[in-house]
Protein backbone atom coordinates (compact mmCIF):
# COMPACT_ATOMS: atom_id res chain seq x y z
CA UNK A 1 -0.01 -0.01 0.03
CA UNK A 2 1.14 3.49 -0.79
CA UNK A 3 2.38 5.55 2.22
CA UNK A 4 3.17 9.00 0.70
CA UNK A 5 0.49 11.34 -0.50
CA UNK A 6 2.23 11.45 -3.90
CA UNK A 7 2.21 7.66 -4.17
CA UNK A 8 -1.59 7.69 -3.28
CA UNK A 9 -2.09 10.26 -6.02
CA UNK A 10 -0.09 8.28 -8.47
CA UNK A 11 -2.43 5.27 -7.93
CA UNK A 12 -5.53 7.43 -8.47
CA UNK A 13 -4.11 8.88 -11.65
CA UNK A 14 -3.12 5.50 -13.09
CA UNK A 15 -6.58 4.16 -12.28
CA UNK A 16 -8.11 7.08 -14.19
CA UNK A 17 -5.72 6.51 -17.19
CA UNK A 18 -6.53 2.76 -17.10
CA UNK A 19 -10.22 3.45 -17.51
CA UNK A 20 -9.64 5.73 -20.49
CA UNK A 21 -7.23 3.30 -22.06
CA UNK A 22 -9.61 0.39 -21.62
CA UNK A 23 -12.44 2.34 -23.06
CA UNK A 24 -10.36 3.15 -26.13
CA UNK A 25 -9.25 -0.44 -26.51
CA UNK A 26 -12.75 -1.68 -26.20
CA UNK A 27 -13.96 0.80 -28.83
CA UNK A 28 -11.25 -0.23 -31.30
CA UNK A 29 -11.92 -3.94 -30.70
CA UNK A 30 -15.66 -3.54 -31.17
CA UNK A 31 -15.20 -1.67 -34.44
CA UNK A 32 -12.90 -4.42 -35.75
CA UNK A 33 -15.33 -7.03 -34.75
CA UNK A 34 -18.22 -5.24 -36.62
CA UNK A 35 -16.18 -5.33 -39.86
CA UNK A 36 -15.22 -9.05 -39.40
CA UNK A 37 -18.90 -9.85 -38.74
CA UNK A 38 -20.06 -7.87 -41.86
CA UNK A 39 -17.47 -9.64 -44.07
CA UNK A 40 -18.42 -12.99 -42.71
CA UNK A 41 -22.02 -12.22 -43.49
CA UNK A 42 -21.11 -11.26 -47.07
CA UNK A 43 -21.83 -7.55 -46.69
CA UNK A 44 -18.48 -6.22 -47.98
CA UNK A 45 -19.93 -2.92 -49.15
CA UNK A 46 -21.18 -2.17 -45.62
CA UNK A 47 -17.75 -3.21 -44.27
CA UNK A 48 -16.25 -0.70 -46.62
CA UNK A 49 -18.29 1.98 -45.19
CA UNK A 50 -17.26 1.12 -41.69
CA UNK A 51 -13.62 1.15 -42.51
CA UNK A 52 -13.18 4.90 -41.84
CA UNK A 53 -14.66 4.68 -38.32
CA UNK A 54 -12.53 1.65 -37.62
CA UNK A 55 -9.34 3.25 -38.90
CA UNK A 56 -10.08 6.33 -36.80
CA UNK A 57 -10.50 4.19 -33.66
CA UNK A 58 -7.16 2.33 -34.32
CA UNK A 59 -5.39 5.67 -35.12
CA UNK A 60 -6.67 7.24 -31.84
CA UNK A 61 -5.48 4.24 -29.81
CA UNK A 62 -2.06 4.49 -31.49
CA UNK A 63 -1.93 8.32 -31.00
CA UNK A 64 -2.65 7.99 -27.30
CA UNK A 65 -0.18 5.20 -26.79
CA UNK A 66 -2.72 2.59 -26.08
CA UNK A 67 -1.24 0.41 -28.86
CA UNK A 68 2.03 0.86 -30.72
CA UNK A 69 2.31 2.55 -34.13
CA UNK A 70 3.35 -0.67 -35.84
CA UNK A 71 0.50 -2.61 -34.22
CA UNK A 72 -2.02 0.01 -35.57
CA UNK A 73 -0.47 -0.32 -39.00
CA UNK A 74 -0.74 -4.03 -38.97
CA UNK A 75 -4.33 -3.96 -37.80
CA UNK A 76 -5.29 -1.55 -40.51
CA UNK A 77 -3.52 -3.60 -43.19
CA UNK A 78 -5.31 -6.73 -42.07
CA UNK A 79 -8.68 -4.94 -42.05
CA UNK A 80 -8.07 -3.61 -45.62
CA UNK A 81 -7.00 -7.08 -46.88
CA UNK A 82 -10.05 -8.65 -45.23
CA UNK A 83 -12.57 -6.24 -46.90
CA UNK A 84 -10.80 -6.35 -50.30
């Protein structure tokens, strides 16, 4: 357990950051799953329409440091290949 007040504050801050990061990760994963589900159902035109939203979610996660830049690039490439 933290003893100093700064250590207590650091725990509060990290808990808040974890919530934000978890929310951003969840959003990204949900968008990816929507596209995969649409492609599996044979609705590639709808998947193409959802690509921009998914790419934005992936880019935001990478920009904020939730995922690394190369991971974001890899996810986007796989999505593009899946829809193509």
